[in-house]
N, C-alpha and C. Protein backbone atom coordinates (compact mmCIF):
# COMPACT_ATOMS: atom_id res chain seq x y z
N MET A 1 -16.51 9.42 15.39
CA MET A 1 -16.30 8.23 15.99
C MET A 1 -16.53 8.67 17.86
N THR A 2 -17.42 7.68 18.59
CA THR A 2 -17.58 8.07 19.30
C THR A 2 -16.53 7.14 20.33
N TYR A 3 -15.73 8.17 21.48
CA TYR A 3 -14.59 7.94 22.30
C TYR A 3 -15.63 7.06 23.20
N THR A 4 -15.00 5.63 23.65
CA THR A 4 -15.38 4.73 24.95
C THR A 4 -14.64 4.15 25.42
N ASN A 5 -14.59 4.05 26.62
CA ASN A 5 -13.72 2.97 27.33
C ASN A 5 -14.07 1.90 27.59
N ALA A 6 -13.59 0.52 26.61
CA ALA A 6 -14.02 -0.48 26.90
C ALA A 6 -14.20 -0.77 28.29
N VAL A 7 -12.92 -0.66 28.38
CA VAL A 7 -12.73 -1.49 29.55
C VAL A 7 -13.53 -0.88 31.24
N ALA A 8 -13.77 0.31 31.54
CA ALA A 8 -14.21 0.96 32.69
C ALA A 8 -15.41 0.51 32.17
N VAL A 9 -15.91 0.46 30.86
CA VAL A 9 -17.84 -0.05 30.64
C VAL A 9 -17.86 -1.65 31.20
N ALA A 10 -16.73 -2.46 31.01
CA ALA A 10 -17.15 -4.04 31.54
C ALA A 10 -17.20 -3.77 32.78
N LEU A 11 -15.97 -2.79 33.47
CA LEU A 11 -15.74 -3.13 34.94
C LEU A 11 -16.88 -2.91 35.44
N ILE A 12 -17.92 -1.82 35.14
CA ILE A 12 -19.18 -1.48 35.38
C ILE A 12 -20.22 -2.49 35.34
N ALA A 13 -20.25 -2.94 34.23
CA ALA A 13 -21.60 -4.26 34.08
C ALA A 13 -21.06 -5.74 34.73
N GLY A 14 -19.94 -6.17 34.71
CA GLY A 14 -19.66 -7.46 35.23
C GLY A 14 -19.26 -7.08 36.67
N ASP A 15 -18.83 -6.78 37.16
CA ASP A 15 -18.63 -6.82 38.30
C ASP A 15 -18.50 -5.91 39.53
N GLY A 16 -19.25 -4.57 38.94
CA GLY A 16 -19.84 -3.67 39.09
C GLY A 16 -18.91 -3.36 40.23
N VAL A 17 -17.33 -2.76 39.68
CA VAL A 17 -16.25 -2.20 40.56
C VAL A 17 -16.41 -1.25 40.97
N ILE A 18 -16.74 -0.45 40.07
CA ILE A 18 -17.09 1.24 40.55
C ILE A 18 -18.19 1.61 41.67
N ASP A 19 -19.10 0.64 41.52
CA ASP A 19 -20.07 0.32 42.69
C ASP A 19 -19.51 0.42 44.21
N LYS A 20 -18.60 -1.05 43.83
CA LYS A 20 -18.05 -1.00 45.07
C LYS A 20 -16.79 0.04 45.82
N LEU A 21 -15.91 0.66 44.84
CA LEU A 21 -15.21 1.76 45.06
C LEU A 21 -16.14 2.92 45.45
N GLU A 22 -17.38 2.92 44.87
CA GLU A 22 -17.98 3.97 45.48
C GLU A 22 -17.85 4.01 47.65
N LEU A 23 -18.48 2.67 47.43
CA LEU A 23 -18.30 2.32 48.79
C LEU A 23 -17.25 2.39 49.90
N GLU A 24 -16.16 2.39 49.42
CA GLU A 24 -14.95 1.85 49.95
C GLU A 24 -14.25 3.30 50.56
N THR A 25 -14.79 3.03 51.77
CA THR A 25 -14.66 4.22 52.90
C THR A 25 -12.99 5.00 53.03
N SER A 26 -11.89 4.20 52.13
CA SER A 26 -10.60 4.76 52.39
C SER A 26 -10.46 5.70 51.00
N ILE A 27 -11.47 5.79 50.51
CA ILE A 27 -11.34 6.55 49.08
C ILE A 27 -12.12 8.10 49.39
N PRO A 28 -11.78 9.09 49.27
CA PRO A 28 -12.08 10.18 49.66
C PRO A 28 -13.09 10.84 49.16
N VAL A 29 -14.25 11.60 49.80
CA VAL A 29 -15.40 11.68 49.47
C VAL A 29 -15.72 12.31 47.78
N SER A 30 -14.65 13.37 47.56
CA SER A 30 -14.21 13.70 46.61
C SER A 30 -14.17 12.90 45.37
N ASP A 31 -13.53 11.80 45.44
CA ASP A 31 -12.85 10.63 44.75
C ASP A 31 -14.27 9.98 44.25
N ARG A 32 -15.31 9.49 45.35
CA ARG A 32 -15.53 9.04 45.22
C ARG A 32 -17.21 9.60 44.70
N ASP A 33 -17.41 10.92 44.98
CA ASP A 33 -18.59 11.59 43.99
C ASP A 33 -18.16 11.83 42.48
N PHE A 34 -17.15 11.71 42.48
CA PHE A 34 -16.30 11.23 41.06
C PHE A 34 -16.62 10.42 40.26
N LEU A 35 -16.28 9.00 40.88
CA LEU A 35 -16.36 8.25 40.52
C LEU A 35 -18.07 7.80 40.09
N ALA A 36 -19.23 8.33 40.99
CA ALA A 36 -20.55 7.96 40.99
C ALA A 36 -21.15 8.84 39.24
N ALA A 37 -20.44 10.13 39.51
CA ALA A 37 -20.75 10.86 37.72
C ALA A 37 -19.53 10.08 36.58
N TYR A 38 -19.01 9.67 36.98
CA TYR A 38 -17.82 8.78 35.72
C TYR A 38 -18.61 7.64 34.96
N GLN A 39 -19.22 6.81 36.47
CA GLN A 39 -19.99 5.47 36.14
C GLN A 39 -21.20 5.64 35.12
N THR A 40 -21.85 7.00 35.35
CA THR A 40 -23.34 8.07 35.03
C THR A 40 -22.79 8.32 33.37
N LYS A 41 -21.35 8.68 33.44
CA LYS A 41 -21.39 8.87 32.20
C LYS A 41 -21.37 8.17 31.39
N LEU A 42 -20.07 7.23 31.66
CA LEU A 42 -19.89 6.07 30.62
C LEU A 42 -21.00 5.19 30.33
N GLY A 43 -22.28 5.34 30.71
CA GLY A 43 -23.72 4.78 30.44
C GLY A 43 -24.42 5.59 29.43
N SER A 44 -24.27 6.53 29.64
CA SER A 44 -24.57 7.41 28.07
C SER A 44 -24.01 8.12 27.37
N ALA A 45 -22.67 8.49 27.35
CA ALA A 45 -22.11 9.31 26.41
C ALA A 45 -20.32 9.23 26.53
N SER A 46 -19.56 9.43 26.04
CA SER A 46 -18.51 9.43 25.88
C SER A 46 -17.70 9.77 27.09
N SER A 47 -16.46 9.62 27.38
CA SER A 47 -15.65 9.82 28.69
C SER A 47 -14.49 10.62 28.37
N ARG A 48 -13.89 11.69 28.82
CA ARG A 48 -12.73 12.22 28.05
C ARG A 48 -11.55 11.29 28.62
N PRO A 49 -9.66 11.84 27.75
CA PRO A 49 -9.43 11.13 28.56
C PRO A 49 -8.49 11.45 29.79
N SER A 50 -8.97 12.75 30.31
CA SER A 50 -8.45 12.86 31.48
C SER A 50 -9.47 12.18 32.66
N GLU A 51 -10.45 11.87 32.35
CA GLU A 51 -11.74 11.66 33.40
C GLU A 51 -11.07 9.83 33.78
N ASP A 52 -10.58 9.58 32.09
CA ASP A 52 -10.24 7.78 31.86
C ASP A 52 -8.66 7.80 33.03
N GLU A 53 -8.35 8.88 32.70
CA GLU A 53 -6.44 9.02 33.72
C GLU A 53 -7.25 8.77 35.17
N ARG A 54 -8.02 9.96 35.49
CA ARG A 54 -8.27 10.02 36.71
C ARG A 54 -8.76 8.64 37.56
N PHE A 55 -9.86 8.00 36.72
CA PHE A 55 -10.33 6.74 37.41
C PHE A 55 -9.00 5.22 37.55
N CYS A 56 -8.27 5.33 36.34
CA CYS A 56 -7.38 4.22 36.38
C CYS A 56 -6.60 4.81 37.87
N LYS A 57 -5.89 5.88 37.78
CA LYS A 57 -5.12 6.47 38.93
C LYS A 57 -5.89 6.09 40.15
N LEU A 58 -7.09 5.99 40.58
CA LEU A 58 -8.24 5.85 41.86
C LEU A 58 -8.20 4.24 41.83
N LEU A 59 -8.28 3.17 40.69
CA LEU A 59 -8.11 1.83 40.86
C LEU A 59 -7.06 1.61 41.05
N THR A 60 -5.75 2.52 40.39
CA THR A 60 -4.73 1.90 40.67
C THR A 60 -4.27 2.02 42.16
N ASP A 61 -4.68 2.98 42.43
CA ASP A 61 -3.96 3.31 44.10
C ASP A 61 -4.49 2.28 45.20
N TRP A 62 -6.26 2.12 45.01
CA TRP A 62 -6.55 1.11 45.92
C TRP A 62 -6.16 -0.13 45.73
N MET A 63 -5.93 -0.62 44.64
CA MET A 63 -5.56 -1.53 44.52
C MET A 63 -4.28 -1.96 45.16
N LEU A 64 -3.38 -0.96 44.98
CA LEU A 64 -1.77 -1.10 45.65
C LEU A 64 -1.94 -1.10 47.27
N ARG A 65 -3.45 0.22 47.82
CA ARG A 65 -3.29 -0.12 48.97
C ARG A 65 -4.07 -1.58 50.01
N ARG A 66 -4.59 -1.71 49.13
CA ARG A 66 -5.57 -3.49 49.44
C ARG A 66 -4.19 -4.07 49.66
N HIS A 67 -3.23 -4.23 48.33
CA HIS A 67 -2.33 -5.30 48.30
C HIS A 67 -1.36 -5.04 49.40
N ARG A 68 -1.05 -3.92 50.27
CA ARG A 68 -0.18 -3.61 51.03
C ARG A 68 -0.89 -4.40 52.57
N ILE A 69 -2.01 -4.46 52.24
CA ILE A 69 -3.03 -4.28 53.01
C ILE A 69 -2.92 -5.94 53.90
N THR A 70 -3.16 -6.48 52.72
CA THR A 70 -3.46 -8.39 53.02
C THR A 70 -1.96 -8.63 52.56
N ALA A 71 -1.01 -8.47 52.14
CA ALA A 71 0.17 -8.89 51.90
C ALA A 71 0.92 -9.26 53.08
């Protein structure tokens, strides 16, 4: 059985969330490079749990920062 992260795949397909995060200048370049590679990998192969955890942390950190700015 192939491991897939259905939530991340849906974020890519539905709203382009990863594309938008790649354009976010508050995210370090190394993390944006990771997001580009992660998005490509999700489209063609299984992701590793460590990659999913890194993606989740990036998304969570960004969401919390945005909430503080707009609150």
